[in-house]
Amino acid sequence: MHSIGENVWINVGCNITDPSLVRLGNNVGLSDCTLIGHDASVALLNVRYGTKLDSVGPIDILDNVFIGHGAIILPRVTIGPNSLVAAGAVVLRDVPPDVVVGGNPARVICTLDTLLKNVEERCADYPWIDLIRERNGEFDPVLESKLKVMRAEYFFGEKTNG
C-alpha cells in the first residue's frame, strides 16, 4: 500500500491488484471488494495499434469509508470521506463526501444522513435493540448467541439453538 491510516480493516477476500497505487485513510473498511489500479485495455491497444501505452491510476479512499462485498473500484477514483460503497457497485468516477453509492456504474443513492435515519427507524422496531446498545464494541461474544435466537424468532417466528 502507498499508505494506510489508523483503524483500517481489510477482509481476507479483498483483492487489491496494485497496492502501491492505493491510499487508505482512517477508519476504512474493505469487505470482499476489488481495487484495480490499472486498465488492461492498453494491452489490446498496444497490440492492435503498435503503441506503447500505460494506463494506471491511484485509488484514494478517504476517512470513514466502507466498501461493500463485491464492489469494484477502478483506477483514478477518490472515495470521499464519510461515504459508503454498496455491495456490487462498480465505481468509475469520484464519490462525493457523505453519500451512499451503488449500482453499475455506481451512482449516488442517498446521503449518509438519510441512511442513518432509515436504519434508526428500522432498528426502533427490533426487540433486541437494547442488547445492541449494551454491546461492548461491534461484536460482543457474550450477547451474540442471544441475539441470534431473538433475530430468528423475530424474522422467521421460530427459535434456534443459538
Protein backbone atom coordinates (compact mmCIF):
# COMPACT_ATOMS: atom_id res chain seq x y z
CA MET A 1 0.00 0.00 0.00
CA HIS A 2 1.08 3.53 -0.60
CA SER A 3 -0.25 4.38 2.85
CA ILE A 4 -2.74 3.09 5.40
CA GLY A 5 -4.40 5.15 8.13
CA GLU A 6 -5.48 4.03 11.58
CA ASN A 7 -8.33 1.65 12.37
CA VAL A 8 -8.38 0.06 8.90
CA TRP A 9 -9.71 -3.44 8.36
CA ILE A 10 -9.41 -5.43 5.16
CA ASN A 11 -11.39 -8.63 4.69
CA VAL A 12 -9.45 -11.73 3.68
CA GLY A 13 -11.28 -11.88 0.32
CA CYS A 14 -10.37 -8.32 -0.67
CA ASN A 15 -8.40 -8.12 -3.93
CA ILE A 16 -6.03 -5.18 -4.36
CA THR A 17 -4.33 -5.57 -7.75
CA ASP A 18 -1.91 -2.64 -7.45
CA PRO A 19 -1.25 -1.95 -3.75
CA SER A 20 1.33 0.75 -4.44
CA LEU A 21 -1.41 2.83 -6.09
CA VAL A 22 -3.81 2.65 -3.13
CA ARG A 23 -4.05 5.08 -0.24
CA LEU A 24 -6.40 4.33 2.66
CA GLY A 25 -7.46 6.94 5.20
CA ASN A 26 -8.52 6.37 8.81
CA ASN A 27 -11.50 4.19 9.75
CA VAL A 28 -11.73 2.43 6.40
CA GLY A 29 -13.38 -0.97 5.97
CA LEU A 30 -12.86 -3.08 2.86
CA SER A 31 -15.17 -6.05 2.52
CA ASP A 32 -14.60 -8.70 -0.16
CA CYS A 33 -14.16 -5.99 -2.79
CA THR A 34 -11.69 -5.37 -5.61
CA LEU A 35 -9.47 -2.32 -6.05
CA ILE A 36 -7.97 -2.17 -9.57
CA GLY A 37 -5.20 0.38 -10.15
CA HIS A 38 -4.65 -0.38 -13.83
CA ASP A 39 -6.60 -0.52 -17.06
CA ALA A 40 -5.59 -3.59 -19.05
CA SER A 41 -7.25 -2.29 -22.22
CA VAL A 42 -3.87 -0.84 -23.16
CA ALA A 43 -2.65 -4.37 -23.86
CA LEU A 44 -5.18 -4.61 -26.67
CA LEU A 45 -4.43 -1.07 -27.88
CA ASN A 46 -0.70 -1.73 -27.86
CA VAL A 47 -1.09 -4.91 -29.94
CA ARG A 48 -3.72 -3.53 -32.32
CA TYR A 49 -2.11 -0.14 -32.96
CA GLY A 50 1.54 -0.89 -32.25
CA THR A 51 1.58 1.67 -29.43
CA LYS A 52 3.39 1.53 -26.12
CA LEU A 53 0.88 2.93 -23.65
CA ASP A 54 0.34 2.58 -19.93
CA SER A 55 -2.93 3.17 -18.11
CA VAL A 56 -2.72 3.19 -14.35
CA GLY A 57 -4.08 5.46 -11.66
CA PRO A 58 -4.41 5.90 -7.94
CA ILE A 59 -7.28 4.87 -5.76
CA ASP A 60 -7.66 7.24 -2.85
CA ILE A 61 -10.09 6.15 -0.13
CA LEU A 62 -10.51 8.93 2.40
CA ASP A 63 -11.53 8.75 6.08
CA ASN A 64 -14.60 6.90 7.37
CA VAL A 65 -15.41 4.82 4.29
CA PHE A 66 -16.86 1.34 3.91
CA ILE A 67 -16.62 -0.59 0.63
CA GLY A 68 -19.19 -3.42 0.41
CA HIS A 69 -18.93 -7.01 -0.77
CA GLY A 70 -18.27 -7.45 -4.48
CA ALA A 71 -17.75 -3.75 -5.15
CA ILE A 72 -15.13 -2.83 -7.76
CA ILE A 73 -13.18 0.41 -7.55
CA LEU A 74 -11.41 1.35 -10.79
CA PRO A 75 -8.28 3.48 -11.25
CA ARG A 76 -8.26 7.27 -10.93
CA VAL A 77 -11.03 7.27 -8.33
CA THR A 78 -11.27 9.07 -5.00
CA ILE A 79 -13.87 7.92 -2.48
CA GLY A 80 -14.88 10.97 -0.44
CA PRO A 81 -14.90 10.92 3.35
CA ASN A 82 -17.86 9.50 5.25
CA SER A 83 -19.13 7.53 2.27
CA LEU A 84 -20.34 4.01 1.71
CA VAL A 85 -19.98 1.98 -1.48
CA ALA A 86 -22.79 -0.58 -1.66
CA ALA A 87 -22.23 -4.27 -2.37
CA GLY A 88 -21.73 -4.99 -6.07
CA ALA A 89 -21.16 -1.37 -7.08
CA VAL A 90 -18.76 -0.58 -9.91
CA VAL A 91 -17.14 2.77 -9.18
CA LEU A 92 -15.83 4.52 -12.30
CA ARG A 93 -15.82 8.11 -11.01
CA ASP A 94 -15.07 10.00 -7.82
CA VAL A 95 -17.54 9.58 -4.98
CA PRO A 96 -18.54 12.77 -3.15
CA PRO A 97 -18.35 13.01 0.65
CA ASP A 98 -21.22 11.89 2.89
CA VAL A 99 -23.10 9.69 0.40
CA VAL A 100 -24.04 6.10 -0.35
CA VAL A 101 -23.33 4.93 -3.92
CA GLY A 102 -24.41 1.74 -5.63
CA GLY A 103 -25.08 0.16 -8.99
CA ASN A 104 -23.16 -0.30 -12.22
CA PRO A 105 -21.95 2.25 -12.89
CA ALA A 106 -22.18 3.48 -9.33
CA ARG A 107 -24.38 6.50 -8.67
CA VAL A 108 -25.47 8.34 -5.55
CA ILE A 109 -28.36 6.53 -3.88
CA CYS A 110 -28.77 8.74 -0.82
CA THR A 111 -26.88 10.79 1.71
CA LEU A 112 -25.28 9.23 4.76
CA ASP A 113 -27.76 11.21 6.90
CA THR A 114 -30.68 9.59 5.05
CA LEU A 115 -29.13 6.15 5.54
CA LEU A 116 -28.75 6.84 9.27
CA LYS A 117 -32.40 7.92 9.54
CA ASN A 118 -33.61 4.81 7.67
CA VAL A 119 -31.52 2.41 9.78
CA GLU A 120 -32.54 4.12 13.04
CA GLU A 121 -36.22 3.78 12.08
CA ARG A 122 -35.78 0.10 11.23
CA CYS A 123 -33.86 -0.58 14.46
CA ALA A 124 -36.56 1.04 16.61
CA ASP A 125 -38.80 -1.97 15.90
CA TYR A 126 -36.23 -4.61 16.82
CA PRO A 127 -36.96 -6.20 20.21
CA TRP A 128 -33.20 -6.69 20.74
CA ILE A 129 -32.14 -3.06 20.20
CA ASP A 130 -31.43 -2.63 23.93
CA LEU A 131 -28.94 -5.52 23.72
CA ILE A 132 -27.24 -3.82 20.78
CA ARG A 133 -26.92 -0.66 22.85
CA GLU A 134 -25.33 -2.67 25.68
CA ARG A 135 -22.76 -4.28 23.38
CA ASN A 136 -19.10 -3.77 24.05
CA GLY A 137 -17.98 -2.80 20.52
CA GLU A 138 -19.46 -4.11 17.28
CA PHE A 139 -19.30 -7.76 18.34
CA ASP A 140 -19.83 -8.94 21.89
CA PRO A 141 -19.39 -12.71 22.30
CA VAL A 142 -21.44 -12.65 25.49
CA LEU A 143 -24.52 -11.33 23.66
CA GLU A 144 -24.21 -12.85 20.18
CA SER A 145 -25.94 -16.19 20.85
CA LYS A 146 -28.91 -14.44 22.46
CA LEU A 147 -29.10 -12.01 19.54
CA LYS A 148 -29.08 -14.91 17.09
CA VAL A 149 -32.06 -16.55 18.81
CA MET A 150 -34.02 -13.29 19.05
CA ARG A 151 -33.42 -12.44 15.38
CA ALA A 152 -34.52 -15.88 14.14
CA GLU A 153 -37.68 -15.69 16.23
CA TYR A 154 -38.47 -12.15 15.05
CA PHE A 155 -37.85 -12.75 11.35
CA PHE A 156 -38.96 -16.38 10.97
CA GLY A 157 -41.20 -16.99 14.01
CA GLU A 158 -39.01 -19.80 15.28
CA LYS A 159 -36.42 -20.29 17.94
CA THR A 160 -32.94 -21.62 17.17
CA ASN A 161 -30.46 -23.38 19.41
CA GLY A 162 -28.20 -20.31 19.47
